[in-house]
């Protein structure tokens, strides 16, 4: 009996020492049994996964990110002058970054968006036209939509050169996202969709 109790205590001690991540990697299958599944969505706020963070690849979440990037095209292209478009695009890239969590499968996208937003901000700051007013267009230029934060203009004579610099940032961002999507392989389609939406943003930086 004493030997049995000692073995039981040792087993319990090993269970306590198991890393929390190992337990969090389990999801409840449809038959009610626990199965190991690394692709299970991560849940926060109570329950058996309380304390877990991040966002696993999810089709709906990917579409939400793509929708934000597509919104940039509807708001930042043609309806506003070229010299305002760089900062307009920066706002949308920052919005994507803010929407993404700090951990999980989408982290490389968040990092790419943060880096792109910072580079676009630097381009605007280097060519800023202090004499021109800021603008606050509505989302998609719809009458009832919310207005964007203040958008800063670059100088008129610097607009095309600045837009060319911004286009390079967009192209670099697209490439970074594509390269990041292959590891692990389950991210490939989601990352390809996001990268394609980023590529479409190049239309914003073309002269009307």
N, C-alpha and C. Protein backbone atom coordinates (compact mmCIF):
# COMPACT_ATOMS: atom_id res chain seq x y z
N UNK A 1 0.83 -1.19 0.00
CA UNK A 1 0.00 0.00 0.00
C UNK A 1 0.87 1.25 0.00
N UNK A 2 1.95 1.27 0.84
CA UNK A 2 2.83 2.42 0.91
C UNK A 2 3.51 2.68 -0.44
N UNK A 3 3.91 1.58 -1.11
CA UNK A 3 4.54 1.72 -2.43
C UNK A 3 3.56 2.31 -3.43
N UNK A 4 2.32 1.89 -3.36
CA UNK A 4 1.28 2.38 -4.27
C UNK A 4 1.04 3.87 -4.06
N UNK A 5 0.98 4.29 -2.81
CA UNK A 5 0.76 5.70 -2.52
C UNK A 5 1.92 6.55 -3.01
N UNK A 6 3.15 6.02 -2.84
CA UNK A 6 4.33 6.77 -3.29
C UNK A 6 4.29 6.94 -4.81
N UNK A 7 3.92 5.89 -5.53
CA UNK A 7 3.84 5.96 -6.99
C UNK A 7 2.76 6.95 -7.43
N UNK A 8 1.64 6.95 -6.68
CA UNK A 8 0.55 7.86 -7.01
C UNK A 8 0.97 9.31 -6.83
N UNK A 9 1.70 9.59 -5.75
CA UNK A 9 2.17 10.95 -5.50
C UNK A 9 3.17 11.41 -6.55
N UNK A 10 4.06 10.50 -6.98
CA UNK A 10 5.03 10.84 -8.03
C UNK A 10 4.31 11.17 -9.33
N UNK A 11 3.32 10.35 -9.66
CA UNK A 11 2.56 10.59 -10.90
C UNK A 11 1.85 11.92 -10.83
N UNK A 12 1.27 12.23 -9.66
CA UNK A 12 0.59 13.52 -9.50
C UNK A 12 1.55 14.68 -9.62
N UNK A 13 2.75 14.51 -9.10
CA UNK A 13 3.76 15.56 -9.19
C UNK A 13 4.17 15.82 -10.62
N UNK A 14 4.30 14.79 -11.43
CA UNK A 14 4.66 14.95 -12.84
C UNK A 14 3.54 15.65 -13.59
N UNK A 15 2.29 15.35 -13.23
CA UNK A 15 1.15 16.00 -13.88
C UNK A 15 1.15 17.49 -13.61
N UNK A 16 1.47 17.87 -12.39
CA UNK A 16 1.50 19.28 -12.03
C UNK A 16 2.59 20.02 -12.79
N UNK A 17 3.71 19.33 -13.06
CA UNK A 17 4.84 19.95 -13.72
C UNK A 17 4.70 20.04 -15.23
N UNK A 18 3.66 19.40 -15.80
CA UNK A 18 3.46 19.48 -17.25
C UNK A 18 3.27 20.92 -17.65
N UNK A 19 3.87 21.38 -18.81
CA UNK A 19 3.69 22.76 -19.24
C UNK A 19 2.25 23.07 -19.53
N UNK A 20 1.85 24.29 -19.19
CA UNK A 20 0.46 24.70 -19.39
C UNK A 20 0.07 24.61 -20.85
N UNK A 21 1.00 24.89 -21.77
CA UNK A 21 0.72 24.86 -23.20
C UNK A 21 0.26 23.50 -23.68
N UNK A 22 0.77 22.42 -23.01
CA UNK A 22 0.39 21.09 -23.43
C UNK A 22 -1.09 20.87 -23.18
N UNK A 23 -1.58 21.37 -22.02
CA UNK A 23 -2.99 21.21 -21.72
C UNK A 23 -3.84 22.08 -22.63
N UNK A 24 -3.35 23.26 -22.93
CA UNK A 24 -4.12 24.18 -23.75
C UNK A 24 -4.20 23.73 -25.20
N UNK A 25 -3.31 22.81 -25.61
CA UNK A 25 -3.32 22.34 -26.98
C UNK A 25 -4.44 21.35 -27.23
N UNK A 26 -5.18 20.95 -26.15
CA UNK A 26 -6.27 20.00 -26.31
C UNK A 26 -7.57 20.72 -26.59
N UNK A 27 -8.37 20.12 -27.44
CA UNK A 27 -9.69 20.65 -27.72
C UNK A 27 -10.72 19.55 -27.51
N UNK A 28 -11.94 19.91 -27.27
CA UNK A 28 -13.01 18.92 -27.09
C UNK A 28 -13.55 18.51 -28.46
N UNK A 29 -13.45 17.22 -28.75
CA UNK A 29 -13.94 16.72 -30.03
C UNK A 29 -15.46 16.60 -29.99
N UNK A 30 -16.05 16.31 -31.13
CA UNK A 30 -17.50 16.25 -31.23
C UNK A 30 -18.10 15.11 -30.40
N UNK A 31 -17.29 14.10 -30.09
CA UNK A 31 -17.80 12.99 -29.31
C UNK A 31 -17.61 13.22 -27.80
N UNK A 32 -17.11 14.40 -27.43
CA UNK A 32 -16.96 14.73 -26.02
C UNK A 32 -15.64 14.33 -25.42
N UNK A 33 -14.76 13.70 -26.19
CA UNK A 33 -13.46 13.27 -25.69
C UNK A 33 -12.40 14.28 -26.06
N UNK A 34 -11.33 14.38 -25.25
CA UNK A 34 -10.24 15.28 -25.55
C UNK A 34 -9.31 14.66 -26.58
N UNK A 35 -8.95 15.44 -27.57
CA UNK A 35 -8.02 14.98 -28.59
C UNK A 35 -6.95 16.04 -28.78
N UNK A 36 -5.77 15.67 -29.16
CA UNK A 36 -4.70 16.61 -29.40
C UNK A 36 -4.84 17.18 -30.81
N UNK A 37 -4.95 18.47 -30.90
CA UNK A 37 -5.18 19.10 -32.20
C UNK A 37 -4.55 20.49 -32.19
N UNK A 38 -3.40 20.65 -32.84
CA UNK A 38 -2.70 21.93 -32.82
C UNK A 38 -3.44 23.00 -33.61
N UNK A 39 -4.39 22.62 -34.45
CA UNK A 39 -5.13 23.59 -35.24
C UNK A 39 -6.40 24.09 -34.54
N UNK A 40 -6.61 23.64 -33.32
CA UNK A 40 -7.80 24.09 -32.62
C UNK A 40 -7.73 25.58 -32.36
N UNK A 41 -8.87 26.29 -32.46
CA UNK A 41 -8.84 27.70 -32.17
C UNK A 41 -8.49 27.95 -30.72
N UNK A 42 -7.76 29.00 -30.44
CA UNK A 42 -7.38 29.34 -29.09
C UNK A 42 -8.47 30.21 -28.49
N UNK A 43 -8.88 29.90 -27.28
CA UNK A 43 -9.98 30.59 -26.63
C UNK A 43 -9.46 31.32 -25.41
N UNK A 44 -10.02 32.47 -25.12
CA UNK A 44 -9.63 33.22 -23.94
C UNK A 44 -10.85 33.51 -23.08
N UNK A 45 -10.60 33.78 -21.81
CA UNK A 45 -11.66 34.22 -20.92
C UNK A 45 -12.46 33.09 -20.31
N UNK A 46 -11.83 32.28 -19.45
CA UNK A 46 -12.55 31.25 -18.70
C UNK A 46 -12.54 29.91 -19.41
N UNK A 47 -13.10 28.89 -18.72
CA UNK A 47 -13.14 27.56 -19.30
C UNK A 47 -11.80 26.88 -19.23
N UNK A 48 -11.67 25.68 -19.82
CA UNK A 48 -10.44 24.91 -19.74
C UNK A 48 -9.25 25.57 -20.41
N UNK A 49 -9.48 26.60 -21.27
CA UNK A 49 -8.39 27.25 -21.98
C UNK A 49 -8.10 28.63 -21.40
N UNK A 50 -8.61 28.92 -20.22
CA UNK A 50 -8.42 30.23 -19.61
C UNK A 50 -6.93 30.55 -19.52
N UNK A 51 -6.56 31.75 -19.98
CA UNK A 51 -5.16 32.16 -19.93
C UNK A 51 -4.46 31.99 -21.26
N UNK A 52 -5.05 31.24 -22.22
CA UNK A 52 -4.44 31.09 -23.53
C UNK A 52 -4.61 32.39 -24.31
N UNK A 53 -3.69 32.67 -25.20
CA UNK A 53 -3.77 33.88 -25.99
C UNK A 53 -3.50 33.56 -27.44
N UNK A 54 -3.84 34.52 -28.32
CA UNK A 54 -3.52 34.35 -29.73
C UNK A 54 -4.73 34.02 -30.56
N UNK A 55 -4.50 33.85 -31.85
CA UNK A 55 -5.57 33.57 -32.79
C UNK A 55 -5.08 32.56 -33.80
N UNK A 56 -5.72 31.41 -33.85
CA UNK A 56 -5.37 30.41 -34.85
C UNK A 56 -5.94 30.82 -36.19
N UNK A 57 -5.41 30.25 -37.27
CA UNK A 57 -5.90 30.54 -38.61
C UNK A 57 -7.39 30.23 -38.67
N UNK A 58 -8.13 31.20 -39.17
CA UNK A 58 -9.58 31.09 -39.22
C UNK A 58 -10.06 31.82 -40.46
N UNK A 59 -10.89 31.17 -41.27
CA UNK A 59 -11.34 31.76 -42.52
C UNK A 59 -12.09 33.07 -42.31
N UNK A 60 -12.96 33.10 -41.32
CA UNK A 60 -13.73 34.31 -41.05
C UNK A 60 -12.85 35.47 -40.63
N UNK A 61 -11.85 35.17 -39.80
CA UNK A 61 -10.94 36.21 -39.33
C UNK A 61 -10.09 36.74 -40.48
N UNK A 62 -9.64 35.83 -41.35
CA UNK A 62 -8.86 36.25 -42.52
C UNK A 62 -9.68 37.17 -43.41
N UNK A 63 -10.95 36.82 -43.62
CA UNK A 63 -11.82 37.66 -44.46
C UNK A 63 -12.01 39.04 -43.84
N UNK A 64 -12.05 39.09 -42.53
CA UNK A 64 -12.20 40.38 -41.85
C UNK A 64 -11.00 41.28 -42.13
N UNK A 65 -9.80 40.69 -42.07
CA UNK A 65 -8.57 41.45 -42.34
C UNK A 65 -8.54 41.91 -43.80
N UNK A 66 -8.89 41.01 -44.71
CA UNK A 66 -8.92 41.34 -46.13
C UNK A 66 -9.92 42.47 -46.39
N UNK A 67 -11.05 42.43 -45.70
CA UNK A 67 -12.08 43.46 -45.87
C UNK A 67 -11.56 44.85 -45.47
N UNK A 68 -10.76 44.90 -44.41
CA UNK A 68 -10.17 46.18 -43.99
C UNK A 68 -9.24 46.70 -45.09
N UNK A 69 -8.41 45.82 -45.64
CA UNK A 69 -7.48 46.22 -46.70
C UNK A 69 -8.21 46.65 -47.96
N UNK A 70 -9.31 45.98 -48.27
CA UNK A 70 -10.12 46.38 -49.43
C UNK A 70 -10.79 47.73 -49.18
N UNK A 71 -11.12 47.99 -47.91
CA UNK A 71 -11.71 49.27 -47.55
C UNK A 71 -10.78 50.43 -47.84
N UNK A 72 -9.47 50.17 -47.73
CA UNK A 72 -8.49 51.22 -48.05
C UNK A 72 -8.63 51.65 -49.50
N UNK A 73 -8.84 50.72 -50.40
CA UNK A 73 -9.00 51.06 -51.82
C UNK A 73 -10.23 51.93 -52.05
N UNK A 74 -11.30 51.62 -51.34
CA UNK A 74 -12.55 52.36 -51.53
C UNK A 74 -12.47 53.78 -50.98
N UNK A 75 -11.63 53.97 -49.95
CA UNK A 75 -11.56 55.27 -49.30
C UNK A 75 -10.40 56.13 -49.82
N UNK A 76 -9.27 55.50 -50.09
CA UNK A 76 -8.03 56.25 -50.36
C UNK A 76 -7.75 56.50 -51.83
N UNK A 77 -8.47 55.87 -52.73
CA UNK A 77 -8.17 56.01 -54.16
C UNK A 77 -9.09 57.03 -54.84
N UNK A 78 -8.55 57.79 -55.74
CA UNK A 78 -9.27 58.68 -56.69
C UNK A 78 -10.10 59.78 -56.04
N UNK A 79 -10.90 59.44 -55.06
CA UNK A 79 -11.76 60.45 -54.45
C UNK A 79 -10.96 61.52 -53.72
N UNK A 80 -9.71 61.19 -53.37
CA UNK A 80 -8.85 62.18 -52.70
C UNK A 80 -7.56 62.36 -53.51
N UNK A 81 -6.91 63.49 -53.32
CA UNK A 81 -5.68 63.77 -54.06
C UNK A 81 -4.58 62.77 -53.71
N UNK A 82 -3.69 62.57 -54.67
CA UNK A 82 -2.60 61.63 -54.49
C UNK A 82 -1.79 61.95 -53.24
N UNK A 83 -1.60 63.22 -52.96
CA UNK A 83 -0.73 63.58 -51.85
C UNK A 83 -1.32 63.26 -50.48
N UNK A 84 -2.60 62.90 -50.42
CA UNK A 84 -3.22 62.48 -49.16
C UNK A 84 -3.27 60.95 -49.02
N UNK A 85 -3.02 60.26 -50.11
CA UNK A 85 -3.29 58.82 -50.12
C UNK A 85 -2.30 57.99 -49.31
N UNK A 86 -1.08 58.46 -49.19
CA UNK A 86 -0.07 57.69 -48.44
C UNK A 86 -0.47 57.59 -46.97
N UNK A 87 -0.86 58.72 -46.41
CA UNK A 87 -1.27 58.71 -45.00
C UNK A 87 -2.58 57.97 -44.81
N UNK A 88 -3.45 58.05 -45.81
CA UNK A 88 -4.72 57.32 -45.77
C UNK A 88 -4.45 55.81 -45.68
N UNK A 89 -3.54 55.33 -46.52
CA UNK A 89 -3.19 53.91 -46.51
C UNK A 89 -2.54 53.53 -45.18
N UNK A 90 -1.72 54.41 -44.64
CA UNK A 90 -1.08 54.15 -43.34
C UNK A 90 -2.13 53.89 -42.26
N UNK A 91 -3.20 54.66 -42.28
CA UNK A 91 -4.26 54.50 -41.29
C UNK A 91 -4.87 53.10 -41.37
N UNK A 92 -5.08 52.62 -42.57
CA UNK A 92 -5.67 51.28 -42.73
C UNK A 92 -4.70 50.18 -42.31
N UNK A 93 -3.42 50.35 -42.61
CA UNK A 93 -2.44 49.34 -42.19
C UNK A 93 -2.33 49.31 -40.67
N UNK A 94 -2.38 50.46 -40.05
CA UNK A 94 -2.36 50.52 -38.59
C UNK A 94 -3.62 49.87 -38.02
N UNK A 95 -4.73 50.05 -38.71
CA UNK A 95 -6.00 49.45 -38.27
C UNK A 95 -5.91 47.93 -38.30
N UNK A 96 -5.32 47.37 -39.36
CA UNK A 96 -5.13 45.93 -39.43
C UNK A 96 -4.25 45.45 -38.28
N UNK A 97 -3.14 46.15 -38.05
CA UNK A 97 -2.22 45.78 -36.98
C UNK A 97 -2.92 45.81 -35.62
N UNK A 98 -3.73 46.83 -35.40
CA UNK A 98 -4.45 46.96 -34.13
C UNK A 98 -5.47 45.85 -33.94
N UNK A 99 -6.02 45.37 -35.04
CA UNK A 99 -7.04 44.31 -34.98
C UNK A 99 -6.42 42.95 -34.68
N UNK A 100 -5.16 42.76 -35.04
CA UNK A 100 -4.51 41.46 -34.87
C UNK A 100 -3.92 41.31 -33.47
N UNK A 101 -3.98 40.09 -32.90
CA UNK A 101 -3.43 39.86 -31.56
C UNK A 101 -1.90 39.81 -31.58
N UNK A 102 -1.31 39.88 -30.41
CA UNK A 102 0.14 39.90 -30.29
C UNK A 102 0.76 38.50 -30.33
N UNK A 103 -0.06 37.48 -30.35
CA UNK A 103 0.43 36.11 -30.45
C UNK A 103 -0.47 35.33 -31.40
N UNK A 104 -0.04 34.16 -31.81
CA UNK A 104 -0.86 33.32 -32.67
C UNK A 104 -0.38 33.30 -34.11
N UNK A 105 -1.17 32.65 -34.95
CA UNK A 105 -0.78 32.43 -36.35
C UNK A 105 -0.69 33.71 -37.17
N UNK A 106 -1.36 34.78 -36.75
CA UNK A 106 -1.37 36.01 -37.52
C UNK A 106 -0.29 37.01 -37.09
N UNK A 107 0.55 36.61 -36.14
CA UNK A 107 1.56 37.54 -35.64
C UNK A 107 2.48 38.08 -36.73
N UNK A 108 2.99 37.26 -37.67
CA UNK A 108 3.84 37.82 -38.74
C UNK A 108 3.12 38.86 -39.59
N UNK A 109 1.81 38.70 -39.78
CA UNK A 109 1.04 39.71 -40.53
C UNK A 109 0.99 41.00 -39.73
N UNK A 110 0.75 40.90 -38.45
CA UNK A 110 0.71 42.09 -37.59
C UNK A 110 2.03 42.83 -37.65
N UNK A 111 3.13 42.09 -37.55
CA UNK A 111 4.46 42.71 -37.57
C UNK A 111 4.71 43.39 -38.92
N UNK A 112 4.29 42.74 -40.00
CA UNK A 112 4.46 43.33 -41.34
C UNK A 112 3.64 44.61 -41.48
N UNK A 113 2.42 44.61 -40.95
CA UNK A 113 1.55 45.78 -41.03
C UNK A 113 2.09 46.94 -40.18
N UNK A 114 2.59 46.62 -39.00
CA UNK A 114 3.18 47.65 -38.14
C UNK A 114 4.39 48.29 -38.81
N UNK A 115 5.23 47.45 -39.41
CA UNK A 115 6.43 47.95 -40.08
C UNK A 115 6.05 48.82 -41.27
N UNK A 116 5.06 48.38 -42.06
CA UNK A 116 4.63 49.14 -43.23
C UNK A 116 4.02 50.48 -42.81
N UNK A 117 3.20 50.47 -41.76
CA UNK A 117 2.59 51.71 -41.29
C UNK A 117 3.66 52.70 -40.83
N UNK A 118 4.69 52.20 -40.17
CA UNK A 118 5.77 53.07 -39.69
C UNK A 118 6.55 53.67 -40.87
N UNK A 119 6.78 52.88 -41.90
CA UNK A 119 7.52 53.36 -43.07
C UNK A 119 6.70 54.40 -43.84
N UNK A 120 5.40 54.16 -43.97
CA UNK A 120 4.54 55.12 -44.64
C UNK A 120 4.47 56.43 -43.84
N UNK A 121 4.43 56.30 -42.55
CA UNK A 121 4.43 57.48 -41.68
C UNK A 121 5.70 58.31 -41.89
N UNK A 122 6.83 57.61 -42.02
CA UNK A 122 8.11 58.30 -42.22
C UNK A 122 8.15 59.03 -43.57
N UNK A 123 7.55 58.42 -44.59
CA UNK A 123 7.50 59.05 -45.92
C UNK A 123 6.67 60.33 -45.86
N UNK A 124 5.53 60.27 -45.19
CA UNK A 124 4.67 61.44 -45.05
C UNK A 124 5.40 62.53 -44.27
N UNK A 125 6.03 62.15 -43.16
CA UNK A 125 6.72 63.13 -42.32
C UNK A 125 7.85 63.82 -43.07
N UNK A 126 8.54 63.09 -43.92
CA UNK A 126 9.67 63.65 -44.66
C UNK A 126 9.23 64.60 -45.77
N UNK A 127 7.98 64.47 -46.21
CA UNK A 127 7.49 65.29 -47.32
C UNK A 127 6.25 66.10 -46.94
N UNK A 128 6.02 66.28 -45.67
CA UNK A 128 4.80 66.88 -45.17
C UNK A 128 4.60 68.33 -45.65
N UNK A 129 3.36 68.62 -46.04
CA UNK A 129 2.99 69.97 -46.43
C UNK A 129 2.23 70.61 -45.26
N UNK A 130 2.95 71.39 -44.45
CA UNK A 130 2.33 72.02 -43.28
C UNK A 130 1.34 73.11 -43.64
N UNK A 131 1.43 73.60 -44.85
CA UNK A 131 0.57 74.71 -45.25
C UNK A 131 -0.81 74.25 -45.74
N UNK A 132 -0.95 72.95 -46.00
CA UNK A 132 -2.22 72.42 -46.50
C UNK A 132 -3.02 71.81 -45.35
N UNK A 133 -4.34 71.84 -45.45
CA UNK A 133 -5.17 71.29 -44.36
C UNK A 133 -5.19 69.76 -44.36
N UNK A 134 -5.46 69.19 -43.21
CA UNK A 134 -5.70 67.75 -43.14
C UNK A 134 -7.14 67.51 -43.61
N UNK A 135 -7.45 66.28 -43.97
CA UNK A 135 -8.82 65.94 -44.37
C UNK A 135 -9.29 64.73 -43.56
N UNK A 136 -10.60 64.58 -43.46
CA UNK A 136 -11.18 63.43 -42.75
C UNK A 136 -12.33 62.85 -43.56
N UNK A 137 -12.01 62.10 -44.62
CA UNK A 137 -13.07 61.52 -45.45
C UNK A 137 -13.84 60.43 -44.69
N UNK A 138 -15.03 60.16 -45.14
CA UNK A 138 -15.83 59.08 -44.57
C UNK A 138 -15.41 57.75 -45.18
N UNK A 139 -15.60 56.68 -44.45
CA UNK A 139 -15.27 55.34 -44.94
C UNK A 139 -15.98 55.07 -46.26
N UNK A 140 -15.18 54.78 -47.29
CA UNK A 140 -15.77 54.50 -48.60
C UNK A 140 -16.52 55.67 -49.19
N UNK A 141 -16.37 56.85 -48.57
CA UNK A 141 -17.06 58.09 -49.01
C UNK A 141 -18.57 57.95 -48.97
N UNK A 142 -19.05 57.11 -48.06
CA UNK A 142 -20.48 56.94 -47.87
C UNK A 142 -21.00 58.01 -46.91
N UNK A 143 -22.12 58.65 -47.21
CA UNK A 143 -22.61 59.77 -46.40
C UNK A 143 -22.79 59.46 -44.92
N UNK A 144 -23.22 58.24 -44.60
CA UNK A 144 -23.51 57.91 -43.20
C UNK A 144 -22.34 57.20 -42.50
N UNK A 145 -21.25 56.96 -43.21
CA UNK A 145 -20.11 56.23 -42.63
C UNK A 145 -19.30 57.11 -41.69
N UNK A 146 -18.52 56.45 -40.83
CA UNK A 146 -17.66 57.17 -39.90
C UNK A 146 -16.51 57.84 -40.65
N UNK A 147 -16.05 58.92 -40.11
CA UNK A 147 -14.90 59.61 -40.69
C UNK A 147 -13.60 58.99 -40.21
N UNK A 148 -12.60 59.02 -41.06
CA UNK A 148 -11.27 58.56 -40.67
C UNK A 148 -10.59 59.60 -39.78
N UNK A 149 -9.54 59.20 -39.08
CA UNK A 149 -8.72 60.19 -38.38
C UNK A 149 -8.11 61.15 -39.40
N UNK A 150 -7.57 62.26 -38.93
CA UNK A 150 -6.99 63.27 -39.82
C UNK A 150 -5.92 62.67 -40.73
N UNK A 151 -6.04 62.96 -42.03
CA UNK A 151 -5.09 62.49 -43.03
C UNK A 151 -4.22 63.66 -43.47
N UNK A 152 -2.91 63.48 -43.38
CA UNK A 152 -1.96 64.54 -43.70
C UNK A 152 -1.53 64.48 -45.17
N UNK A 153 -1.29 65.63 -45.78
CA UNK A 153 -0.83 65.65 -47.18
C UNK A 153 0.69 65.80 -47.26
N UNK A 154 1.25 65.28 -48.34
CA UNK A 154 2.65 65.59 -48.66
C UNK A 154 2.61 66.77 -49.64
N UNK A 155 3.74 67.39 -49.85
CA UNK A 155 3.81 68.53 -50.77
C UNK A 155 3.45 68.09 -52.18
N UNK A 156 2.78 68.98 -52.90
CA UNK A 156 2.33 68.65 -54.25
C UNK A 156 3.47 68.23 -55.16
N UNK A 157 4.58 68.96 -55.09
CA UNK A 157 5.69 68.64 -55.99
C UNK A 157 6.46 67.39 -55.55
N UNK A 158 6.11 66.84 -54.38
CA UNK A 158 6.76 65.62 -53.89
C UNK A 158 5.83 64.41 -53.95
N UNK A 159 4.59 64.65 -54.37
CA UNK A 159 3.57 63.61 -54.27
C UNK A 159 3.91 62.34 -55.06
N UNK A 160 4.32 62.49 -56.30
CA UNK A 160 4.58 61.31 -57.14
C UNK A 160 5.80 60.54 -56.64
N UNK A 161 6.84 61.25 -56.25
CA UNK A 161 8.04 60.58 -55.74
C UNK A 161 7.73 59.87 -54.42
N UNK A 162 6.96 60.52 -53.57
CA UNK A 162 6.59 59.92 -52.29
C UNK A 162 5.70 58.70 -52.50
N UNK A 163 4.79 58.80 -53.47
CA UNK A 163 3.91 57.67 -53.77
C UNK A 163 4.70 56.48 -54.30
N UNK A 164 5.75 56.75 -55.07
CA UNK A 164 6.62 55.68 -55.59
C UNK A 164 7.34 54.98 -54.43
N UNK A 165 7.79 55.76 -53.46
CA UNK A 165 8.43 55.17 -52.27
C UNK A 165 7.43 54.32 -51.49
N UNK A 166 6.22 54.83 -51.37
CA UNK A 166 5.18 54.09 -50.65
C UNK A 166 4.84 52.79 -51.37
N UNK A 167 4.82 52.82 -52.69
CA UNK A 167 4.53 51.62 -53.47
C UNK A 167 5.57 50.52 -53.20
N UNK A 168 6.82 50.92 -53.04
CA UNK A 168 7.87 49.95 -52.71
C UNK A 168 7.61 49.32 -51.34
N UNK A 169 7.13 50.13 -50.41
CA UNK A 169 6.79 49.62 -49.08
C UNK A 169 5.69 48.57 -49.18
N UNK A 170 4.68 48.87 -49.99
CA UNK A 170 3.56 47.94 -50.18
C UNK A 170 4.04 46.63 -50.80
N UNK A 171 4.89 46.73 -51.81
CA UNK A 171 5.42 45.54 -52.47
C UNK A 171 6.26 44.69 -51.52
N UNK A 172 7.08 45.36 -50.71
CA UNK A 172 7.89 44.65 -49.72
C UNK A 172 7.01 43.95 -48.69
N UNK A 173 5.95 44.62 -48.29
CA UNK A 173 5.04 44.06 -47.30
C UNK A 173 4.34 42.82 -47.85
N UNK A 174 3.91 42.90 -49.10
CA UNK A 174 3.28 41.75 -49.75
C UNK A 174 4.23 40.55 -49.76
N UNK A 175 5.49 40.81 -50.12
CA UNK A 175 6.47 39.72 -50.21
C UNK A 175 6.75 39.11 -48.84
N UNK A 176 6.86 39.95 -47.82
CA UNK A 176 7.11 39.46 -46.46
C UNK A 176 5.97 38.56 -46.00
N UNK A 177 4.74 38.96 -46.28
CA UNK A 177 3.58 38.17 -45.86
C UNK A 177 3.54 36.84 -46.59
N UNK A 178 3.81 36.85 -47.88
CA UNK A 178 3.82 35.60 -48.66
C UNK A 178 4.87 34.64 -48.11
N UNK A 179 6.06 35.15 -47.86
CA UNK A 179 7.14 34.30 -47.35
C UNK A 179 6.83 33.76 -45.96
N UNK A 180 6.12 34.53 -45.17
CA UNK A 180 5.79 34.10 -43.81
C UNK A 180 4.70 33.04 -43.79
N UNK A 181 3.93 32.95 -44.86
CA UNK A 181 2.78 32.06 -44.87
C UNK A 181 3.07 30.60 -45.03
N UNK A 182 4.30 30.24 -45.38
CA UNK A 182 4.60 28.84 -45.62
C UNK A 182 5.02 28.05 -44.40
N UNK A 183 5.14 28.69 -43.25
CA UNK A 183 5.63 28.01 -42.06
C UNK A 183 4.82 28.44 -40.84
N UNK A 184 3.94 27.61 -40.30
CA UNK A 184 3.58 26.29 -40.80
C UNK A 184 2.68 26.35 -42.04
N UNK A 185 2.60 25.25 -42.74
CA UNK A 185 1.92 25.23 -44.04
C UNK A 185 0.43 25.56 -43.95
N UNK A 186 -0.19 25.35 -42.78
CA UNK A 186 -1.62 25.60 -42.67
C UNK A 186 -1.96 27.08 -42.84
N UNK A 187 -0.93 27.96 -42.74
CA UNK A 187 -1.17 29.39 -42.88
C UNK A 187 -1.17 29.85 -44.33
N UNK A 188 -0.75 29.00 -45.24
CA UNK A 188 -0.46 29.43 -46.61
C UNK A 188 -1.63 30.16 -47.27
N UNK A 189 -2.83 29.56 -47.27
CA UNK A 189 -3.96 30.16 -47.97
C UNK A 189 -4.36 31.49 -47.35
N UNK A 190 -4.40 31.55 -46.03
CA UNK A 190 -4.78 32.79 -45.35
C UNK A 190 -3.79 33.90 -45.68
N UNK A 191 -2.51 33.58 -45.63
CA UNK A 191 -1.49 34.58 -45.91
C UNK A 191 -1.51 35.00 -47.37
N UNK A 192 -1.81 34.07 -48.26
CA UNK A 192 -1.92 34.39 -49.69
C UNK A 192 -3.06 35.37 -49.92
N UNK A 193 -4.18 35.16 -49.24
CA UNK A 193 -5.33 36.06 -49.39
C UNK A 193 -5.01 37.46 -48.89
N UNK A 194 -4.33 37.55 -47.75
CA UNK A 194 -3.96 38.86 -47.19
C UNK A 194 -2.95 39.55 -48.11
N UNK A 195 -1.96 38.79 -48.59
CA UNK A 195 -0.94 39.37 -49.48
C UNK A 195 -1.57 39.89 -50.77
N UNK A 196 -2.55 39.17 -51.30
CA UNK A 196 -3.23 39.61 -52.52
C UNK A 196 -3.98 40.93 -52.28
N UNK A 197 -4.58 41.07 -51.10
CA UNK A 197 -5.28 42.31 -50.77
C UNK A 197 -4.29 43.47 -50.63
N UNK A 198 -3.12 43.19 -50.08
CA UNK A 198 -2.07 44.21 -49.98
C UNK A 198 -1.62 44.65 -51.37
N UNK A 199 -1.44 43.69 -52.26
CA UNK A 199 -1.03 44.01 -53.63
C UNK A 199 -2.05 44.93 -54.30
N UNK A 200 -3.33 44.68 -54.04
CA UNK A 200 -4.38 45.52 -54.62
C UNK A 200 -4.28 46.97 -54.14
N UNK A 201 -3.68 47.18 -52.98
CA UNK A 201 -3.53 48.54 -52.45
C UNK A 201 -2.61 49.41 -53.31
N UNK A 202 -1.85 48.80 -54.19
CA UNK A 202 -0.97 49.57 -55.08
C UNK A 202 -1.76 50.55 -55.96
N UNK A 203 -3.03 50.22 -56.24
CA UNK A 203 -3.84 51.09 -57.06
C UNK A 203 -4.01 52.46 -56.41
N UNK A 204 -3.95 52.50 -55.10
CA UNK A 204 -4.11 53.76 -54.36
C UNK A 204 -2.99 54.73 -54.70
N UNK A 205 -1.80 54.21 -54.95
CA UNK A 205 -0.61 55.04 -55.10
C UNK A 205 -0.30 55.39 -56.54
N UNK A 206 -1.20 55.04 -57.44
CA UNK A 206 -1.01 55.41 -58.84
C UNK A 206 -1.61 56.77 -59.10
N UNK A 207 -0.96 57.55 -59.93
CA UNK A 207 -1.45 58.89 -60.26
C UNK A 207 -2.75 58.80 -61.04
N UNK A 208 -3.74 59.59 -60.62
CA UNK A 208 -5.04 59.57 -61.31
C UNK A 208 -4.95 60.31 -62.62
